[in-house]
Amino acid sequence: MVSTTVSRLILSSAALLIVAGCEEQRGKYPARAYAPVPSATVAKMEAKGSSKNAPVLVRAYKQESEIEIWKQTASGEYALIKSYPVCRWSGQLGPKKKEGDRQVPEGFYYVTPAQMNPNSSYWLAFNVGYPNPLERAMSRSGGDIMVHGTCSSRGCFAMTNDQIEEIYAIMRESFAGGQKAVQFQSFPFRMTAENLAKYRHDPNMPFWKNLKEGNDHFEVTKREPQVGYCGQKYYFNASAEGGRPDPLASCPKLKVDETLAEAVSAKQASDNKKVAELIERGTPAISVRYADGSQHESFRDSGSFVALAGDRVISQLPDRSAKLGDVSRPEAIGAVEVVHLDANGAPKTTASTTPAVAAKPATPAPVVASAAPAAASNSAPVAAAAAPSSGFTMFSGIGSLFGEKKETAPTSAPQQSAASAAPEKSMLQRWFGTGDTAAPADATQFPANVPLPPRRASKDNGERVSDATGARKIIAGAQPIVTADLTPAQ
């Protein structure tokens, strides 16, 4: 009898110790850091031939305000699982160059377990990896660029808390499955012929064409492109003779897979042809300037969300607090200057006849949720009419700008003649002609040679990981993969 009682006490004490140990381990971070991937999202993965532990790839688009989650399938290719509307991003279209410019970076980055921040003041966060090796070589400054919650941005992709909780969980489980680094692709907009035609005179176009090379490699193969750097640009899916080249030096001879190179070149030629056709049909060249970034249209339409055709289903997770959070600069959302450019890229002097507050587009844009633009009462104050000398129009809804609704031609500008169109064709041949196909990308395998951005310890900055080792501990089963050769000297 005594022995039985003693045995029961010992077993009870052991059970309490085990429970206490588990509670201590799981209590190190907020409960949200341990949230499971929703069963509905896991079901989508399984329907595409993937799983929650399979590798993940993230793609982001500023103009469309969307972040996509792609998962690797049994075939090795990636399949689109889900698209999330971005609650807030700041700055303008174009790359980040310096600290404090409020720019969301554009480029190819890598996220490791050490860059996951379960203790973020912005609910949850992960560092995208800016500046990457190319940007560091070009003396680009700034850091701690995150994808996080609370809908407040100063150079980050800000999501709702429930959205970042799900994205964080998806990445955490992929790390637990053995993935060493998640590629994060950030674009100014979807690399469509329509966007390339509209922004053909933008000073960032050469850089954007370089990003499109990486986009094309992914679109053709549906596999993660290998990324390398030389000649102040990216190269993809290629190896350089003589080892890794200097990001700033001229590119050496690159060894490529000829079959892949031909497939990518064919896609580029097809896209260039579409761009030329759009320009010939009169697609206006524009320049835009945001008051300070934007957000997905769905957040400005009373909480209604639109499901798009195909795999790109846009939906917002139900926010438990029924609030977006501390939205940064709400007065700037939706306000954008649109300047129409002539054939030489100069602003047209004739004022646009488009009304100051655009009406709902007749046909929704193919890459933006087809929610109606916000009413004037919900957007930043706009000018009553376009300034006659600048030729720009202030819009209260960004969806109206990039929809399919045709602009009214200025009364003083008749249809362009073939002769006047000649300079435009010359520009097109320089940028998109057959003689301007990009060299097949040269790629260096990650993670062996891609250093991480510096990680600065700071307890009072919610966007920084102050305990990289601890951050890895919450990833059950994840291997310790951050080695000395991946971490730059502090």
Protein backbone atom coordinates (compact mmCIF):
# COMPACT_ATOMS: atom_id res chain seq x y z
CA MET A 1 0.00 0.00 0.00
CA VAL A 2 2.79 2.39 0.91
CA SER A 3 4.78 1.45 -2.16
CA THR A 4 1.72 2.05 -4.38
CA THR A 5 1.19 5.50 -2.86
CA VAL A 6 4.85 6.39 -3.28
CA SER A 7 4.77 5.24 -6.89
CA ARG A 8 1.74 7.39 -7.60
CA LEU A 9 3.42 10.42 -6.02
CA ILE A 10 6.55 9.89 -8.08
CA LEU A 11 4.54 9.57 -11.31
CA SER A 12 2.49 12.66 -10.46
CA SER A 13 5.63 14.66 -9.67
CA ALA A 14 7.24 13.59 -12.94
CA ALA A 15 4.14 14.60 -14.89
CA LEU A 16 4.11 18.01 -13.23
CA LEU A 17 7.79 18.52 -14.07
CA ILE A 18 7.16 17.64 -17.72
CA VAL A 19 4.19 20.01 -17.96
CA ALA A 20 6.10 22.75 -16.18
CA GLY A 21 9.02 22.28 -18.54
CA CYS A 22 6.75 22.55 -21.58
CA GLU A 23 5.05 25.64 -20.23
CA GLU A 24 8.40 27.26 -19.53
CA GLN A 25 9.64 26.53 -23.06
CA ARG A 26 6.47 27.72 -24.80
CA GLY A 27 6.14 30.71 -22.52
CA LYS A 28 9.40 32.24 -23.67
CA TYR A 29 7.61 33.93 -26.58
CA PRO A 30 4.05 35.19 -27.03
CA ALA A 31 1.47 32.54 -27.86
CA ARG A 32 1.02 34.01 -31.34
CA ALA A 33 4.52 32.79 -32.26
CA TYR A 34 3.31 29.19 -31.83
CA ALA A 35 0.00 29.54 -33.70
CA PRO A 36 -0.57 26.60 -36.07
CA VAL A 37 -1.03 26.97 -39.79
CA PRO A 38 -4.83 27.09 -40.30
CA SER A 39 -6.28 23.77 -41.43
CA ALA A 40 -7.89 25.39 -44.48
CA THR A 41 -4.47 26.64 -45.64
CA VAL A 42 -2.90 23.22 -45.03
CA ALA A 43 -5.68 21.71 -47.14
CA LYS A 44 -4.79 24.11 -49.98
CA MET A 45 -1.17 22.99 -49.76
CA GLU A 46 -2.14 19.33 -49.90
CA ALA A 47 -4.47 19.96 -52.84
CA LYS A 48 -1.47 21.35 -54.75
CA GLY A 49 0.72 18.37 -53.86
CA SER A 50 2.61 20.13 -51.08
CA SER A 51 2.66 20.10 -47.28
CA LYS A 52 3.17 22.51 -44.39
CA ASN A 53 6.80 21.37 -43.98
CA ALA A 54 7.71 21.78 -47.67
CA PRO A 55 9.91 24.73 -48.75
CA VAL A 56 8.17 28.08 -49.20
CA LEU A 57 8.86 31.09 -51.44
CA VAL A 58 7.42 34.58 -50.97
CA ARG A 59 6.63 37.14 -53.69
CA ALA A 60 5.57 40.75 -53.03
CA TYR A 61 4.18 43.48 -55.31
CA LYS A 62 4.05 47.12 -54.22
CA GLN A 63 1.66 48.65 -56.76
CA GLU A 64 -0.86 45.81 -56.41
CA SER A 65 -0.30 45.66 -52.63
CA GLU A 66 -0.16 41.88 -52.49
CA ILE A 67 2.07 39.21 -50.97
CA GLU A 68 1.98 35.68 -52.36
CA ILE A 69 2.90 32.41 -50.65
CA TRP A 70 4.23 29.66 -52.92
CA LYS A 71 5.00 26.13 -51.74
CA GLN A 72 7.22 23.50 -53.32
CA THR A 73 5.38 20.45 -54.62
CA ALA A 74 6.53 16.86 -55.03
CA SER A 75 7.69 17.70 -58.57
CA GLY A 76 10.12 20.32 -57.24
CA GLU A 77 8.12 23.16 -58.79
CA TYR A 78 6.39 25.83 -56.72
CA ALA A 79 2.62 26.32 -56.67
CA LEU A 80 0.73 29.42 -55.56
CA ILE A 81 -1.09 28.70 -52.32
CA LYS A 82 -2.48 32.04 -51.22
CA SER A 83 -2.34 35.80 -51.82
CA TYR A 84 -2.64 38.31 -49.00
CA PRO A 85 -3.68 41.96 -49.44
CA VAL A 86 -1.04 44.27 -47.99
CA CYS A 87 -2.50 46.58 -45.36
CA ARG A 88 0.16 49.29 -45.78
CA TRP A 89 3.41 50.01 -47.57
CA SER A 90 5.23 53.33 -47.68
CA GLY A 91 7.27 55.40 -50.10
CA GLN A 92 7.23 55.24 -53.90
CA LEU A 93 7.79 52.69 -56.65
CA GLY A 94 11.52 52.12 -56.96
CA PRO A 95 14.35 50.60 -54.90
CA LYS A 96 15.37 51.56 -51.39
CA LYS A 97 18.65 53.49 -51.38
CA LYS A 98 19.18 55.10 -48.00
CA GLU A 99 18.12 55.13 -44.38
CA GLY A 100 14.95 57.12 -43.76
CA ASP A 101 13.66 57.28 -47.36
CA ARG A 102 10.56 55.24 -46.36
CA GLN A 103 11.14 53.05 -49.41
CA VAL A 104 10.09 49.41 -49.41
CA PRO A 105 13.00 47.50 -51.01
CA GLU A 106 12.81 45.90 -54.44
CA GLY A 107 15.01 42.95 -55.27
CA PHE A 108 15.84 39.37 -54.31
CA TYR A 109 16.43 38.57 -50.65
CA TYR A 110 16.72 35.65 -48.24
CA VAL A 111 15.10 35.06 -44.86
CA THR A 112 16.69 32.64 -42.36
CA PRO A 113 15.34 31.44 -38.99
CA ALA A 114 17.52 34.03 -37.26
CA GLN A 115 15.58 36.77 -39.06
CA MET A 116 12.25 35.67 -37.58
CA ASN A 117 11.15 37.89 -34.70
CA PRO A 118 8.55 36.37 -32.33
CA ASN A 119 8.89 39.32 -29.91
CA SER A 120 8.12 42.10 -32.38
CA SER A 121 6.20 45.11 -31.10
CA TYR A 122 4.34 44.83 -34.41
CA TRP A 123 2.72 41.50 -33.43
CA LEU A 124 5.13 39.22 -35.35
CA ALA A 125 7.79 40.04 -37.93
CA PHE A 126 10.57 38.75 -40.13
CA ASN A 127 13.47 40.69 -41.63
CA VAL A 128 13.44 40.48 -45.43
CA GLY A 129 17.25 40.71 -45.67
CA TYR A 130 17.83 44.24 -46.95
CA PRO A 131 20.48 45.24 -47.87
CA ASN A 132 21.52 42.18 -49.85
CA PRO A 133 25.14 41.71 -51.05
CA LEU A 134 24.54 43.76 -54.20
CA GLU A 135 22.98 46.64 -52.28
CA ARG A 136 25.72 46.62 -49.66
CA ALA A 137 28.35 46.78 -52.39
CA MET A 138 26.50 49.79 -53.83
CA SER A 139 26.58 51.48 -50.38
CA ARG A 140 22.81 51.31 -49.93
CA SER A 141 22.00 52.21 -46.32
CA GLY A 142 19.17 51.37 -43.95
CA GLY A 143 18.09 48.12 -42.42
CA ASP A 144 15.57 46.30 -40.26
CA ILE A 145 13.12 46.14 -43.17
CA MET A 146 10.34 43.82 -42.11
CA VAL A 147 7.11 42.14 -43.01
CA HIS A 148 5.08 42.63 -39.84
CA GLY A 149 1.63 43.35 -38.41
CA THR A 150 -0.25 46.45 -37.13
CA CYS A 151 -0.71 48.05 -40.59
CA SER A 152 1.94 50.71 -39.95
CA SER A 153 4.83 51.13 -42.40
CA ARG A 154 8.01 53.17 -42.57
CA GLY A 155 9.70 51.10 -45.25
CA CYS A 156 8.07 47.75 -44.52
CA PHE A 157 5.27 45.55 -45.80
CA ALA A 158 2.69 45.92 -43.01
CA MET A 159 -0.06 43.31 -42.72
CA THR A 160 -2.94 42.79 -40.33
CA ASN A 161 -2.04 40.87 -37.18
CA ASP A 162 -3.94 37.76 -38.27
CA GLN A 163 -2.28 37.80 -41.67
CA ILE A 164 1.27 37.98 -40.33
CA GLU A 165 0.40 35.29 -37.80
CA GLU A 166 -0.46 32.89 -40.62
CA ILE A 167 2.49 33.87 -42.85
CA TYR A 168 4.86 33.56 -39.89
CA ALA A 169 3.48 30.08 -39.08
CA ILE A 170 3.88 28.93 -42.69
CA MET A 171 7.52 30.00 -42.77
CA ARG A 172 8.19 28.56 -39.29
CA GLU A 173 6.93 25.14 -40.37
CA SER A 174 9.03 25.22 -43.54
CA PHE A 175 12.13 25.93 -41.45
CA ALA A 176 11.10 23.05 -39.19
CA GLY A 177 10.99 20.85 -42.29
CA GLY A 178 14.64 21.67 -43.02
CA GLN A 179 14.49 24.69 -45.32
CA LYS A 180 17.57 26.81 -44.71
CA ALA A 181 16.44 30.10 -46.23
CA VAL A 182 13.26 31.47 -47.79
CA GLN A 183 13.67 33.48 -50.98
CA PHE A 184 11.76 36.77 -50.80
CA GLN A 185 11.14 38.41 -54.18
CA SER A 186 10.01 42.05 -54.06
CA PHE A 187 8.76 43.81 -57.21
CA PRO A 188 7.44 47.33 -57.90
CA PHE A 189 4.49 45.77 -59.74
CA ARG A 190 3.59 42.60 -61.60
CA MET A 191 5.95 42.33 -64.54
CA THR A 192 3.23 42.46 -67.18
CA ALA A 193 3.48 44.01 -70.63
CA GLU A 194 0.84 46.54 -69.58
CA ASN A 195 2.90 47.82 -66.67
CA LEU A 196 6.11 47.87 -68.68
CA ALA A 197 4.38 49.93 -71.37
CA LYS A 198 2.94 52.42 -68.89
CA TYR A 199 6.25 52.97 -67.08
CA ARG A 200 8.49 52.83 -70.18
CA HIS A 201 10.00 56.27 -69.46
CA ASP A 202 10.55 55.74 -65.74
CA PRO A 203 14.20 56.25 -64.68
CA ASN A 204 14.00 52.93 -62.80
CA MET A 205 13.13 50.95 -65.94
CA PRO A 206 16.66 49.50 -66.50
CA PHE A 207 16.64 48.23 -62.91
CA TRP A 208 13.10 46.89 -63.25
CA LYS A 209 14.07 45.06 -66.44
CA ASN A 210 16.81 43.35 -64.43
CA LEU A 211 14.25 42.29 -61.82
CA LYS A 212 12.05 41.02 -64.64
CA GLU A 213 14.85 38.64 -65.67
CA GLY A 214 14.51 36.92 -62.29
CA ASN A 215 10.73 37.02 -62.60
CA ASP A 216 10.93 35.39 -66.03
CA HIS A 217 13.21 32.61 -64.77
CA PHE A 218 10.69 31.83 -62.05
CA GLU A 219 7.68 32.05 -64.37
CA VAL A 220 9.29 29.72 -66.91
CA THR A 221 10.54 27.09 -64.46
CA LYS A 222 8.30 27.58 -61.40
CA ARG A 223 11.47 26.89 -59.42
CA GLU A 224 13.45 29.16 -57.11
CA PRO A 225 15.97 31.03 -59.26
CA GLN A 226 19.60 30.95 -58.16
CA VAL A 227 20.78 34.52 -57.66
CA GLY A 228 24.20 36.07 -58.26
CA TYR A 229 25.60 39.59 -58.58
CA CYS A 230 27.98 41.31 -61.00
CA GLY A 231 28.15 44.52 -62.98
CA GLN A 232 25.86 46.24 -60.40
CA LYS A 233 22.99 43.95 -61.30
CA TYR A 234 21.50 40.51 -60.63
CA TYR A 235 22.08 37.41 -62.71
CA PHE A 236 20.07 34.20 -62.46
CA ASN A 237 20.56 30.45 -62.86
CA ALA A 238 24.14 30.62 -64.07
CA SER A 239 27.64 30.10 -62.73
CA ALA A 240 30.62 32.38 -63.24
CA GLU A 241 33.99 31.09 -64.32
CA GLY A 242 36.64 31.62 -61.69
CA GLY A 243 34.34 31.71 -58.68
CA ARG A 244 31.97 34.29 -57.31
CA PRO A 245 32.30 37.63 -59.17
CA ASP A 246 32.48 41.06 -57.59
CA PRO A 247 29.01 42.69 -57.48
CA LEU A 248 30.48 45.94 -58.84
CA ALA A 249 32.91 44.53 -61.42
CA SER A 250 32.00 43.68 -64.99
CA CYS A 251 30.34 40.32 -65.35
CA PRO A 252 32.66 37.48 -66.36
CA LYS A 253 31.69 34.75 -68.78
CA LEU A 254 28.65 32.96 -67.41
CA LYS A 255 27.82 29.31 -67.85
CA VAL A 256 24.12 28.71 -68.40
CA ASP A 257 21.73 25.90 -69.24
CA GLU A 258 21.06 26.47 -72.93
CA THR A 259 17.56 25.00 -72.86
CA LEU A 260 16.54 27.24 -69.98
CA ALA A 261 18.19 30.28 -71.58
CA GLU A 262 16.23 29.70 -74.79
CA ALA A 263 12.93 29.36 -72.90
CA VAL A 264 13.54 32.57 -70.94
CA SER A 265 14.57 34.44 -74.10
CA ALA A 266 11.40 33.27 -75.83
CA LYS A 267 9.28 34.63 -72.99
CA GLN A 268 11.12 37.93 -73.05
CA ALA A 269 10.67 38.25 -76.82
CA SER A 270 6.94 37.56 -76.47
CA ASP A 271 6.61 40.16 -73.69
CA ASN A 272 8.56 42.74 -75.69
CA LYS A 273 6.24 42.22 -78.65
CA LYS A 274 3.21 42.82 -76.43
CA VAL A 275 4.81 46.01 -75.07
CA ALA A 276 5.38 47.26 -78.62
CA GLU A 277 1.79 46.51 -79.60
CA LEU A 278 0.43 48.32 -76.55
CA ILE A 279 2.52 51.40 -77.31
CA GLU A 280 1.43 51.38 -80.94
CA ARG A 281 -2.21 51.22 -79.80
CA GLY A 282 -1.71 54.36 -77.76
CA THR A 283 -1.07 53.14 -74.23
CA PRO A 284 -0.08 56.34 -72.41
CA ALA A 285 3.31 56.61 -70.76
CA ILE A 286 2.89 57.75 -67.17
CA SER A 287 4.84 58.72 -64.11
CA VAL A 288 3.27 58.39 -60.67
CA ARG A 289 4.06 59.76 -57.27
CA TYR A 290 2.33 58.51 -54.15
CA ALA A 291 1.77 60.80 -51.19
CA ASP A 292 3.33 57.96 -49.15
CA GLY A 293 2.73 54.46 -50.45
CA SER A 294 -0.63 52.76 -50.46
CA GLN A 295 -2.61 49.70 -49.39
CA HIS A 296 -4.76 47.06 -51.06
CA GLU A 297 -8.07 48.34 -52.41
CA SER A 298 -10.01 45.86 -50.27
CA PHE A 299 -9.07 47.72 -47.09
CA ARG A 300 -10.71 50.87 -48.46
CA ASP A 301 -14.02 49.24 -49.35
CA SER A 302 -15.74 48.79 -45.99
CA GLY A 303 -14.10 45.46 -45.34
CA SER A 304 -15.49 43.63 -48.39
CA PHE A 305 -13.07 41.32 -50.16
CA VAL A 306 -13.22 40.01 -53.69
CA ALA A 307 -12.15 36.54 -54.80
CA LEU A 308 -10.31 36.65 -58.12
CA ALA A 309 -10.28 33.97 -60.80
CA GLY A 310 -7.81 31.12 -60.74
CA ASP A 311 -5.26 30.57 -57.99
CA ARG A 312 -5.04 34.24 -57.01
CA VAL A 313 -7.73 34.33 -54.34
CA ILE A 314 -7.51 37.54 -52.36
CA SER A 315 -8.93 37.31 -48.86
CA GLN A 316 -8.38 38.96 -45.53
CA LEU A 317 -8.24 36.83 -42.42
CA PRO A 318 -10.87 37.86 -39.86
CA ASP A 319 -9.25 40.35 -37.53
CA ARG A 320 -10.19 39.48 -33.95
CA SER A 321 -10.05 43.09 -32.83
CA ALA A 322 -12.07 44.28 -35.87
CA LYS A 323 -9.37 46.95 -36.32
CA LEU A 324 -6.46 47.24 -38.71
CA GLY A 325 -4.20 48.64 -36.02
CA ASP A 326 -2.26 51.87 -35.91
CA VAL A 327 -2.43 52.64 -39.63
CA SER A 328 0.46 54.86 -40.63
CA ARG A 329 -0.36 58.16 -42.35
CA PRO A 330 -4.00 57.32 -43.20
CA GLU A 331 -4.37 60.74 -44.82
CA ALA A 332 -1.88 59.69 -47.52
CA ILE A 333 -3.60 56.47 -48.53
CA GLY A 334 -4.99 56.56 -52.05
CA ALA A 335 -3.52 59.94 -53.00
CA VAL A 336 -1.31 59.71 -56.07
CA GLU A 337 -0.14 62.16 -58.72
CA VAL A 338 -0.33 60.84 -62.28
CA VAL A 339 1.73 62.61 -64.92
CA HIS A 340 1.18 61.74 -68.59
CA LEU A 341 4.39 61.81 -70.60
CA ASP A 342 5.06 62.53 -74.23
CA ALA A 343 7.07 60.38 -76.64
CA ASN A 344 10.34 61.72 -75.24
CA GLY A 345 9.41 61.12 -71.60
CA ALA A 346 8.69 64.78 -70.79
CA PRO A 347 5.47 65.80 -68.96
CA LYS A 348 2.70 66.89 -71.28
CA THR A 349 1.81 70.55 -70.83
CA THR A 350 -1.89 70.08 -71.58
CA ALA A 351 -3.99 69.40 -68.51
CA SER A 352 -5.66 66.01 -68.30
CA THR A 353 -9.43 66.00 -68.55
CA THR A 354 -9.76 63.19 -66.04
CA PRO A 355 -11.82 64.36 -63.03
CA ALA A 356 -9.94 65.03 -59.81
CA VAL A 357 -11.76 62.21 -58.01
CA ALA A 358 -12.00 59.29 -60.38
CA ALA A 359 -15.24 57.37 -60.75
CA LYS A 360 -15.40 53.61 -60.38
CA PRO A 361 -13.59 51.95 -63.31
CA ALA A 362 -15.80 50.39 -65.94
CA THR A 363 -13.65 47.25 -65.89
CA PRO A 364 -11.56 46.33 -62.83
CA ALA A 365 -7.82 46.02 -63.21
CA PRO A 366 -6.63 42.45 -63.77
CA VAL A 367 -4.14 42.52 -60.91
CA VAL A 368 -5.97 44.53 -58.25
CA ALA A 369 -9.02 43.32 -56.33
CA SER A 370 -12.07 44.76 -58.05
CA ALA A 371 -13.34 46.70 -55.08
CA ALA A 372 -14.74 50.15 -55.71
CA PRO A 373 -12.38 53.04 -55.01
CA ALA A 374 -12.79 54.71 -51.66
CA ALA A 375 -15.17 57.62 -51.44
CA ALA A 376 -13.66 61.05 -51.13
CA SER A 377 -14.65 61.20 -47.47
CA ASN A 378 -12.44 58.19 -46.71
CA SER A 379 -9.36 59.35 -48.56
CA ALA A 380 -6.85 62.13 -48.33
CA PRO A 381 -7.99 65.54 -49.53
CA VAL A 382 -7.27 65.98 -53.22
CA ALA A 383 -6.93 68.92 -55.55
CA ALA A 384 -10.14 70.21 -57.07
CA ALA A 385 -8.63 70.07 -60.55
CA ALA A 386 -5.37 69.11 -62.20
CA ALA A 387 -2.78 71.83 -62.39
CA PRO A 388 -2.78 73.06 -65.99
CA SER A 389 1.00 73.41 -66.12
CA SER A 390 1.91 69.94 -64.85
CA GLY A 391 -0.57 67.66 -66.54
CA PHE A 392 -1.17 65.46 -63.48
CA THR A 393 -4.37 64.27 -61.83
CA MET A 394 -4.90 63.43 -58.15
CA PHE A 395 -6.78 60.17 -57.59
CA SER A 396 -8.52 59.10 -54.40
CA GLY A 397 -8.32 55.42 -55.38
CA ILE A 398 -5.27 53.75 -56.86
CA GLY A 399 -7.46 51.12 -58.53
CA SER A 400 -8.84 53.78 -60.84
CA LEU A 401 -5.37 54.60 -62.09
CA PHE A 402 -4.42 51.12 -63.20
CA GLY A 403 -7.82 49.85 -64.38
CA GLU A 404 -8.85 49.27 -67.93
CA LYS A 405 -10.95 52.44 -68.24
CA LYS A 406 -9.70 54.53 -71.15
CA GLU A 407 -8.46 58.03 -70.48
CA THR A 408 -10.09 60.97 -72.28
CA ALA A 409 -7.60 62.39 -74.73
CA PRO A 410 -6.61 66.04 -74.18
CA THR A 411 -8.59 68.27 -76.53
CA SER A 412 -5.46 70.01 -77.75
CA ALA A 413 -3.62 66.79 -78.54
CA PRO A 414 -5.05 65.07 -81.65
CA GLN A 415 -4.31 61.47 -82.46
CA GLN A 416 -0.59 60.97 -82.81
CA SER A 417 0.64 60.63 -86.37
CA ALA A 418 3.03 57.96 -87.54
CA ALA A 419 5.78 60.53 -87.84
CA SER A 420 5.36 61.76 -84.30
CA ALA A 421 5.41 58.20 -83.04
CA ALA A 422 8.84 57.57 -84.51
CA PRO A 423 10.86 58.70 -81.44
CA GLU A 424 8.76 56.31 -79.28
CA LYS A 425 9.60 53.40 -81.53
CA SER A 426 13.26 54.24 -81.37
CA MET A 427 13.12 54.16 -77.57
CA LEU A 428 11.26 50.87 -77.70
CA GLN A 429 13.89 49.32 -79.89
CA ARG A 430 16.59 50.44 -77.47
CA TRP A 431 14.84 49.02 -74.40
CA PHE A 432 12.75 46.11 -75.66
CA GLY A 433 14.12 45.31 -79.11
CA THR A 434 15.55 41.99 -80.17
CA GLY A 435 19.05 43.25 -79.59
CA ASP A 436 18.36 43.91 -75.91
CA THR A 437 17.65 40.47 -74.57
CA ALA A 438 19.19 40.02 -71.15
CA ALA A 439 22.17 37.76 -70.76
CA PRO A 440 21.22 34.44 -69.15
CA ALA A 441 21.37 34.84 -65.45
CA ASP A 442 24.38 33.75 -63.52
CA ALA A 443 23.48 32.38 -60.18
CA THR A 444 25.27 31.54 -56.98
CA GLN A 445 23.59 28.87 -54.85
CA PHE A 446 22.21 30.04 -51.53
CA PRO A 447 22.83 29.68 -48.66
CA ALA A 448 26.53 28.92 -48.75
CA ASN A 449 27.62 32.27 -50.11
CA VAL A 450 24.86 34.74 -49.28
CA PRO A 451 25.65 36.69 -46.10
CA LEU A 452 22.91 37.91 -43.84
CA PRO A 453 22.34 41.56 -43.01
CA PRO A 454 23.80 42.72 -39.69
CA ARG A 455 21.61 41.96 -36.70
CA ARG A 456 21.78 44.68 -34.07
CA ALA A 457 20.71 43.78 -30.53
CA SER A 458 18.03 46.14 -29.29
CA LYS A 459 15.37 45.42 -26.70
CA ASP A 460 13.40 48.59 -27.35
CA ASN A 461 13.00 48.14 -31.12
CA GLY A 462 10.11 45.80 -31.88
CA GLU A 463 11.34 45.11 -35.39
CA ARG A 464 14.71 43.69 -34.40
CA VAL A 465 15.58 40.20 -33.29
CA SER A 466 17.50 40.64 -30.08
CA ASP A 467 17.91 36.91 -29.45
CA ALA A 468 18.66 35.09 -32.70
CA THR A 469 19.44 31.83 -30.91
CA GLY A 470 16.20 31.98 -28.98
CA ALA A 471 14.26 32.72 -32.13
CA ARG A 472 15.46 29.46 -33.60
CA LYS A 473 14.34 27.48 -30.55
CA ILE A 474 10.67 28.00 -31.31
CA ILE A 475 11.10 26.24 -34.63
CA ALA A 476 10.56 22.66 -33.58
CA GLY A 477 12.90 20.32 -35.36
CA ALA A 478 14.71 23.03 -37.27
CA GLN A 479 18.41 22.47 -37.75
CA PRO A 480 20.89 25.12 -36.56
CA ILE A 481 21.80 26.46 -39.99
CA VAL A 482 23.16 29.95 -39.38
CA THR A 483 26.87 29.37 -39.60
CA ALA A 484 29.76 31.74 -39.13
CA ASP A 485 30.35 32.18 -42.84
CA LEU A 486 26.78 33.45 -43.29
CA THR A 487 26.99 36.17 -40.66
CA PRO A 488 28.96 39.32 -41.45
CA ALA A 489 31.28 40.82 -38.88
CA GLN A 490 29.56 43.34 -36.66
